[in-house]
Amino acid sequence: MKKGSYLGLIVVLASVFVLLGWNQPCRAGKVIELKLAHFMSPMHVQHRKAFVPFAEKVAKLTNGRVKIKIYPGGTLGNPKTMVDAIRTGITDIGFVLPEYIPGRFKRSSVFELPFIFHSATHVTEVTYAVYKDYLAPDYKDFKVLWFLSAPLTQLMTVKKPVKSLADLKGLRIRSASATETEGLKLLGANPIGMPISEVSISLQKGVIEGVFTPFAALKAHKLIDIVKYMTEFDYNGALMCVLMNKRKWDSLPDFAKKAIDQVANKEFGIAAAKAFDEEDGENVAAAKAKGIKLFKLSEADRKEMRKRLSHIWEKWVKKNAGRFPARKILDATLAAAKANP
């Protein structure tokens, strides 16, 4: 074959490659695959309304060149091990609850304090407001994708309605954390620590008379068939975040980083928190439809509770003052809570 023919053939093949290859970046060797792990079921609101949309949007923005595979159900890490699973590369991206890892995210523990917030969305707004100046050192070993919060802790009881602060006295109430336990004691109740998985049977057997947990547990843990009364407490939220292995992030090409950053932003975190709040509202509506009564504490009672529990705020400052500027962080958090109603 003549030299000119060779050149012509090369041009033709190159043109075919352009037409078939450049517009199909998902061909072998072209796809960046990332693992995203969480410990909820595929039916969980965050799986459906946050993780799946995140993976789909990143794939769309990169024309399929970044594929995020989701591993639900704790297959790659549970609430206590997930942060290490991310750090060691077992998963590239993971869903983390700082509260479940005491001492790891010290500054962020300010979000465990009671009577500061009124919704998951509110917690999330405040987190973004104070993150850069006060919380960033907690996350220096990771790439933060987004923050959010669980719905706020409320009270549900079986036999006795809690219409006022006085009604709490002596009640055996399930507590999920040290902060809840301390708060319930200060409010006159008898807290009993136990995992949410044991609450249903414990309520039925009378081991506990009520439970401190978000309203979302009404359906998720079948409490809607057991409890008779609900009381809005808005005790505290639970800060959550989606973190990425920093080495993996640093290794990504610019187009992949740009797409992930375009999706995983403040607005995305707030939308994820709103999904939690909406689910809480749907649970309350379903409970009311079944005849479960909802009570709201008077402003006088709420003021008295904040007064009693402010001791927990000061205890947190005193405990952490030698490790980081705890007073400044608390003051900034309280100010941001007021500024982001």
Protein backbone atom coordinates (compact mmCIF):
# COMPACT_ATOMS: atom_id res chain seq x y z
CA MET A 1 0.00 0.00 0.00
CA LYS A 2 1.28 3.42 -0.88
CA LYS A 3 2.26 5.93 1.79
CA GLY A 4 -0.67 8.16 0.84
CA SER A 5 -3.08 5.27 1.29
CA TYR A 6 -1.69 4.58 4.77
CA LEU A 7 -2.18 8.19 5.73
CA GLY A 8 -5.71 8.14 4.39
CA LEU A 9 -6.55 5.02 6.36
CA ILE A 10 -5.15 6.59 9.55
CA VAL A 11 -7.28 9.69 9.03
CA VAL A 12 -10.40 7.58 8.53
CA LEU A 13 -9.72 5.46 11.64
CA ALA A 14 -9.00 8.54 13.70
CA SER A 15 -12.28 10.07 12.60
CA VAL A 16 -14.15 6.92 13.59
CA PHE A 17 -12.41 6.95 16.96
CA VAL A 18 -13.47 10.54 17.55
CA LEU A 19 -17.06 9.84 16.63
CA LEU A 20 -17.38 6.63 18.63
CA GLY A 21 -14.92 7.24 21.41
CA TRP A 22 -14.93 10.82 22.60
CA ASN A 23 -18.68 10.88 22.96
CA GLN A 24 -18.65 7.60 24.89
CA PRO A 25 -16.46 8.29 27.94
CA CYS A 26 -17.90 5.23 29.73
CA ARG A 27 -15.79 2.86 27.61
CA ALA A 28 -13.35 0.57 29.42
CA GLY A 29 -10.65 2.50 31.21
CA LYS A 30 -12.54 5.78 31.06
CA VAL A 31 -14.78 5.49 34.13
CA ILE A 32 -13.78 6.66 37.62
CA GLU A 33 -15.61 4.47 40.13
CA LEU A 34 -16.20 5.71 43.67
CA LYS A 35 -17.76 3.85 46.60
CA LEU A 36 -20.30 5.60 48.82
CA ALA A 37 -21.26 3.78 52.03
CA HIS A 38 -23.99 4.29 54.61
CA PHE A 39 -25.69 2.11 57.23
CA MET A 40 -29.39 2.68 56.48
CA SER A 41 -31.68 0.63 54.27
CA PRO A 42 -32.29 1.49 50.61
CA MET A 43 -35.75 2.66 51.72
CA HIS A 44 -34.31 5.29 54.06
CA VAL A 45 -35.14 8.88 53.16
CA GLN A 46 -31.46 9.84 52.83
CA HIS A 47 -30.74 6.94 50.48
CA ARG A 48 -33.68 7.90 48.26
CA LYS A 49 -33.49 11.69 48.43
CA ALA A 50 -29.78 12.41 48.92
CA PHE A 51 -27.38 9.57 48.06
CA VAL A 52 -29.07 8.34 44.89
CA PRO A 53 -29.65 11.87 43.50
CA PHE A 54 -26.03 12.77 44.34
CA ALA A 55 -24.68 9.79 42.39
CA GLU A 56 -27.03 10.46 39.47
CA LYS A 57 -26.19 14.16 39.26
CA VAL A 58 -22.44 13.58 39.35
CA ALA A 59 -22.76 10.94 36.63
CA LYS A 60 -24.80 13.33 34.49
CA LEU A 61 -22.41 16.24 34.94
CA THR A 62 -19.44 14.07 33.96
CA ASN A 63 -21.23 12.38 31.07
CA GLY A 64 -20.84 9.06 32.88
CA ARG A 65 -17.12 9.40 33.51
CA VAL A 66 -17.64 9.34 37.32
CA LYS A 67 -19.71 6.47 38.63
CA ILE A 68 -20.65 6.39 42.31
CA LYS A 69 -21.75 2.99 43.60
CA ILE A 70 -23.78 3.06 46.80
CA TYR A 71 -23.28 0.44 49.51
CA PRO A 72 -26.22 0.66 51.98
CA GLY A 73 -27.02 -1.35 55.08
CA GLY A 74 -23.66 -1.08 56.83
CA THR A 75 -21.83 -3.39 54.43
CA LEU A 76 -18.73 -1.18 54.54
CA GLY A 77 -19.13 0.39 57.98
CA ASN A 78 -21.51 1.05 60.87
CA PRO A 79 -22.05 4.34 62.76
CA LYS A 80 -18.98 3.74 64.93
CA THR A 81 -16.60 2.42 62.25
CA MET A 82 -17.61 4.47 59.20
CA VAL A 83 -15.16 7.31 59.76
CA ASP A 84 -12.24 4.86 59.86
CA ALA A 85 -13.61 3.06 56.81
CA ILE A 86 -13.35 6.38 54.96
CA ARG A 87 -9.94 7.23 56.38
CA THR A 88 -8.43 3.85 55.43
CA GLY A 89 -10.03 3.70 52.01
CA ILE A 90 -12.47 0.85 52.62
CA THR A 91 -14.96 3.29 51.14
CA ASP A 92 -14.23 6.49 49.26
CA ILE A 93 -17.26 8.36 50.62
CA GLY A 94 -19.22 7.69 53.78
CA PHE A 95 -22.10 8.91 55.94
CA VAL A 96 -20.84 9.92 59.39
CA LEU A 97 -22.56 10.72 62.69
CA PRO A 98 -19.96 12.64 64.77
CA GLU A 99 -21.99 12.03 67.95
CA TYR A 100 -21.32 8.27 67.66
CA ILE A 101 -17.56 8.81 67.80
CA PRO A 102 -16.91 10.66 71.09
CA GLY A 103 -13.71 12.69 71.09
CA ARG A 104 -13.16 12.49 67.33
CA PHE A 105 -15.04 15.63 66.30
CA LYS A 106 -14.63 17.62 69.51
CA ARG A 107 -15.71 21.04 68.27
CA SER A 108 -18.75 19.65 66.53
CA SER A 109 -20.07 18.25 69.81
CA VAL A 110 -21.56 21.72 70.41
CA PHE A 111 -24.43 20.53 68.20
CA GLU A 112 -25.35 17.91 70.79
CA LEU A 113 -26.32 20.61 73.30
CA PRO A 114 -30.03 21.00 74.07
CA PHE A 115 -32.54 23.73 73.25
CA ILE A 116 -30.58 25.61 70.60
CA PHE A 117 -32.31 24.47 67.41
CA HIS A 118 -35.86 23.96 66.15
CA SER A 119 -35.43 21.68 63.12
CA ALA A 120 -32.94 19.59 61.16
CA THR A 121 -32.81 22.36 58.57
CA HIS A 122 -32.01 24.90 61.29
CA VAL A 123 -29.13 22.76 62.60
CA THR A 124 -27.74 22.50 59.08
CA GLU A 125 -27.97 26.24 58.40
CA VAL A 126 -26.09 26.95 61.62
CA THR A 127 -23.45 24.33 60.85
CA TYR A 128 -22.58 26.01 57.57
CA ALA A 129 -22.59 29.41 59.26
CA VAL A 130 -19.91 28.45 61.79
CA TYR A 131 -17.99 25.71 59.95
CA LYS A 132 -15.21 27.70 58.34
CA ASP A 133 -14.24 29.73 61.41
CA TYR A 134 -14.83 27.19 64.17
CA LEU A 135 -15.37 23.58 63.06
CA ALA A 136 -12.99 23.07 60.14
CA PRO A 137 -10.12 21.59 62.23
CA ASP A 138 -12.39 18.64 63.10
CA TYR A 139 -12.49 17.66 59.43
CA LYS A 140 -8.97 18.47 58.24
CA ASP A 141 -8.24 14.83 57.37
CA PHE A 142 -11.24 14.54 55.03
CA LYS A 143 -12.93 16.22 52.11
CA VAL A 144 -16.30 17.44 53.40
CA LEU A 145 -19.06 16.90 50.86
CA TRP A 146 -22.09 18.09 52.81
CA PHE A 147 -23.54 18.53 56.30
CA LEU A 148 -27.06 17.81 57.48
CA SER A 149 -28.86 16.90 60.68
CA ALA A 150 -31.32 14.33 61.92
CA PRO A 151 -34.74 15.60 62.98
CA LEU A 152 -34.88 16.93 66.51
CA THR A 153 -35.51 14.72 69.54
CA GLN A 154 -39.11 14.65 70.72
CA LEU A 155 -41.02 12.76 73.44
CA MET A 156 -43.51 9.93 72.96
CA THR A 157 -45.29 8.15 75.81
CA VAL A 158 -47.68 5.23 76.23
CA LYS A 159 -49.90 5.73 79.29
CA LYS A 160 -49.28 9.22 80.58
CA PRO A 161 -49.44 12.35 78.40
CA VAL A 162 -46.77 14.96 79.04
CA LYS A 163 -48.54 18.30 78.75
CA SER A 164 -46.23 20.21 81.07
CA LEU A 165 -42.78 20.02 82.58
CA ALA A 166 -44.28 18.72 85.82
CA ASP A 167 -45.68 15.67 84.00
CA LEU A 168 -42.14 14.44 83.32
CA LYS A 169 -41.34 13.86 86.97
CA GLY A 170 -40.42 10.24 87.65
CA LEU A 171 -41.18 8.92 84.16
CA ARG A 172 -38.87 6.21 82.81
CA ILE A 173 -37.76 7.61 79.46
CA ARG A 174 -35.47 6.02 76.91
CA SER A 175 -32.35 8.10 76.27
CA ALA A 176 -29.99 7.75 73.31
CA SER A 177 -27.01 9.83 74.45
CA ALA A 178 -25.18 11.22 77.46
CA THR A 179 -26.56 14.68 76.72
CA GLU A 180 -30.13 13.38 76.66
CA THR A 181 -29.55 11.40 79.86
CA GLU A 182 -28.23 14.42 81.71
CA GLY A 183 -31.04 16.62 80.41
CA LEU A 184 -33.79 14.18 81.40
CA LYS A 185 -32.35 13.96 84.91
CA LEU A 186 -32.32 17.74 85.24
CA LEU A 187 -35.95 17.80 84.10
CA GLY A 188 -37.00 15.25 86.73
CA ALA A 189 -37.35 12.11 84.61
CA ASN A 190 -35.58 8.76 85.02
CA PRO A 191 -33.57 8.19 81.84
CA ILE A 192 -32.81 4.65 80.66
CA GLY A 193 -30.24 4.22 77.93
CA MET A 194 -30.98 1.73 75.18
CA PRO A 195 -30.66 1.38 71.40
CA ILE A 196 -33.69 2.29 69.33
CA SER A 197 -34.03 -1.34 68.24
CA GLU A 198 -35.07 -2.30 71.80
CA VAL A 199 -37.56 0.51 72.36
CA SER A 200 -40.67 -1.12 70.90
CA ILE A 201 -40.57 -4.23 73.08
CA SER A 202 -39.48 -2.19 76.13
CA LEU A 203 -42.50 0.08 75.76
CA GLN A 204 -44.82 -2.90 75.42
CA LYS A 205 -43.39 -4.59 78.51
CA GLY A 206 -43.42 -1.39 80.57
CA VAL A 207 -39.66 -1.30 81.03
CA ILE A 208 -39.87 2.30 79.87
CA GLU A 209 -42.87 4.63 79.79
CA GLY A 210 -41.71 6.85 76.99
CA VAL A 211 -38.98 7.46 74.45
CA PHE A 212 -36.81 10.40 73.45
CA THR A 213 -36.35 10.18 69.66
CA PRO A 214 -37.35 11.99 66.46
CA PHE A 215 -40.92 11.51 65.25
CA ALA A 216 -39.52 9.65 62.23
CA ALA A 217 -39.15 6.61 64.52
CA LEU A 218 -42.94 6.32 64.68
CA LYS A 219 -43.00 4.41 61.42
CA ALA A 220 -39.37 3.35 61.07
CA HIS A 221 -39.45 1.47 64.39
CA LYS A 222 -43.17 0.71 64.53
CA LEU A 223 -43.80 2.96 67.54
CA ILE A 224 -46.93 4.28 65.86
CA ASP A 225 -48.78 1.15 66.99
CA ILE A 226 -47.66 1.48 70.61
CA VAL A 227 -47.44 5.10 71.77
CA LYS A 228 -50.54 7.12 72.61
CA TYR A 229 -49.13 10.60 73.16
CA MET A 230 -46.51 12.87 71.59
CA THR A 231 -44.96 16.03 73.03
CA GLU A 232 -42.93 18.53 71.04
CA PHE A 233 -39.65 19.03 72.87
CA ASP A 234 -37.19 20.00 70.12
CA TYR A 235 -34.52 18.85 72.56
CA ASN A 236 -31.55 18.58 70.21
CA GLY A 237 -30.55 17.43 66.77
CA ALA A 238 -27.80 15.11 65.59
CA LEU A 239 -25.18 16.58 63.30
CA MET A 240 -24.37 14.36 60.32
CA CYS A 241 -21.98 14.70 57.43
CA VAL A 242 -20.86 13.02 54.24
CA LEU A 243 -17.08 12.79 54.09
CA MET A 244 -14.62 11.65 51.45
CA ASN A 245 -11.18 10.08 51.71
CA LYS A 246 -8.80 12.99 51.20
CA ARG A 247 -6.21 11.02 49.23
CA LYS A 248 -8.89 9.79 46.86
CA TRP A 249 -10.17 13.35 46.45
CA ASP A 250 -6.69 14.67 45.73
CA SER A 251 -6.20 11.96 43.09
CA LEU A 252 -9.28 12.94 41.09
CA PRO A 253 -8.95 14.90 37.84
CA ASP A 254 -10.27 18.44 37.83
CA PHE A 255 -13.45 17.62 35.91
CA ALA A 256 -14.46 15.08 38.57
CA LYS A 257 -13.75 17.47 41.44
CA LYS A 258 -15.70 20.22 39.73
CA ALA A 259 -18.75 17.99 39.26
CA ILE A 260 -18.73 16.71 42.84
CA ASP A 261 -18.35 20.22 44.24
CA GLN A 262 -21.15 21.45 41.99
CA VAL A 263 -23.54 18.88 43.52
CA ALA A 264 -22.26 18.51 47.09
CA ASN A 265 -22.77 22.03 48.37
CA LYS A 266 -24.61 23.88 51.13
CA GLU A 267 -27.89 23.82 49.22
CA PHE A 268 -27.66 20.05 48.82
CA GLY A 269 -27.06 19.59 52.56
CA ILE A 270 -30.00 21.82 53.44
CA ALA A 271 -32.22 19.89 51.02
CA ALA A 272 -31.16 16.62 52.68
CA ALA A 273 -32.04 18.05 56.10
CA LYS A 274 -35.40 19.26 54.80
CA ALA A 275 -36.12 15.71 53.64
CA PHE A 276 -35.69 14.61 57.25
CA ASP A 277 -37.97 17.39 58.52
CA GLU A 278 -40.61 16.50 55.94
CA GLU A 279 -40.45 12.85 56.94
CA ASP A 280 -40.94 13.88 60.57
CA GLY A 281 -44.00 15.89 59.57
CA GLU A 282 -45.43 12.98 57.61
CA ASN A 283 -45.01 10.73 60.66
CA VAL A 284 -46.83 13.22 62.90
CA ALA A 285 -49.70 13.44 60.42
CA ALA A 286 -49.94 9.65 60.28
CA ALA A 287 -49.87 9.42 64.08
CA LYS A 288 -52.64 11.98 64.44
CA ALA A 289 -54.70 10.04 61.92
CA LYS A 290 -54.42 7.02 64.22
CA GLY A 291 -55.64 9.04 67.17
CA ILE A 292 -52.28 9.72 68.82
CA LYS A 293 -52.46 13.09 70.55
CA LEU A 294 -49.84 15.80 70.14
CA PHE A 295 -49.03 18.31 72.88
CA LYS A 296 -46.89 21.44 72.89
CA LEU A 297 -45.25 22.73 76.04
CA SER A 298 -46.06 26.25 77.12
CA GLU A 299 -43.54 29.00 76.57
CA ALA A 300 -43.16 29.25 80.36
CA ASP A 301 -42.21 25.57 80.54
CA ARG A 302 -39.80 25.90 77.64
CA LYS A 303 -38.16 28.90 79.30
CA GLU A 304 -37.80 26.93 82.52
CA MET A 305 -36.27 23.99 80.66
CA ARG A 306 -33.74 26.19 78.91
CA LYS A 307 -32.85 27.69 82.29
CA ARG A 308 -32.26 24.28 83.90
CA LEU A 309 -30.39 22.89 80.94
CA SER A 310 -28.13 25.88 80.37
CA HIS A 311 -26.00 24.12 82.99
CA ILE A 312 -25.17 21.58 80.26
CA TRP A 313 -23.94 24.38 78.00
CA GLU A 314 -21.59 25.68 80.69
CA LYS A 315 -20.39 22.18 81.51
CA TRP A 316 -19.49 21.68 77.84
CA VAL A 317 -17.50 24.92 77.81
CA LYS A 318 -15.63 24.05 81.00
CA LYS A 319 -14.84 20.53 79.79
CA ASN A 320 -13.40 21.69 76.46
CA ALA A 321 -11.90 25.09 77.27
CA GLY A 322 -8.37 23.69 77.41
CA ARG A 323 -8.63 21.92 74.05
CA PHE A 324 -10.20 24.55 71.80
CA PRO A 325 -12.00 27.92 72.10
CA ALA A 326 -15.18 26.36 73.47
CA ARG A 327 -16.74 29.59 74.68
CA LYS A 328 -16.28 31.25 71.30
CA ILE A 329 -17.73 28.22 69.51
CA LEU A 330 -20.80 28.12 71.76
CA ASP A 331 -21.36 31.86 71.47
CA ALA A 332 -20.96 31.72 67.68
CA THR A 333 -23.38 28.79 67.48
CA LEU A 334 -25.99 30.56 69.61
CA ALA A 335 -25.59 33.74 67.55
CA ALA A 336 -25.91 31.81 64.29
CA ALA A 337 -29.01 30.04 65.61
CA LYS A 338 -30.64 33.42 66.19
CA ALA A 339 -29.49 34.81 62.87
CA ASN A 340 -30.79 31.80 60.91
CA PRO A 341 -34.31 31.34 62.26
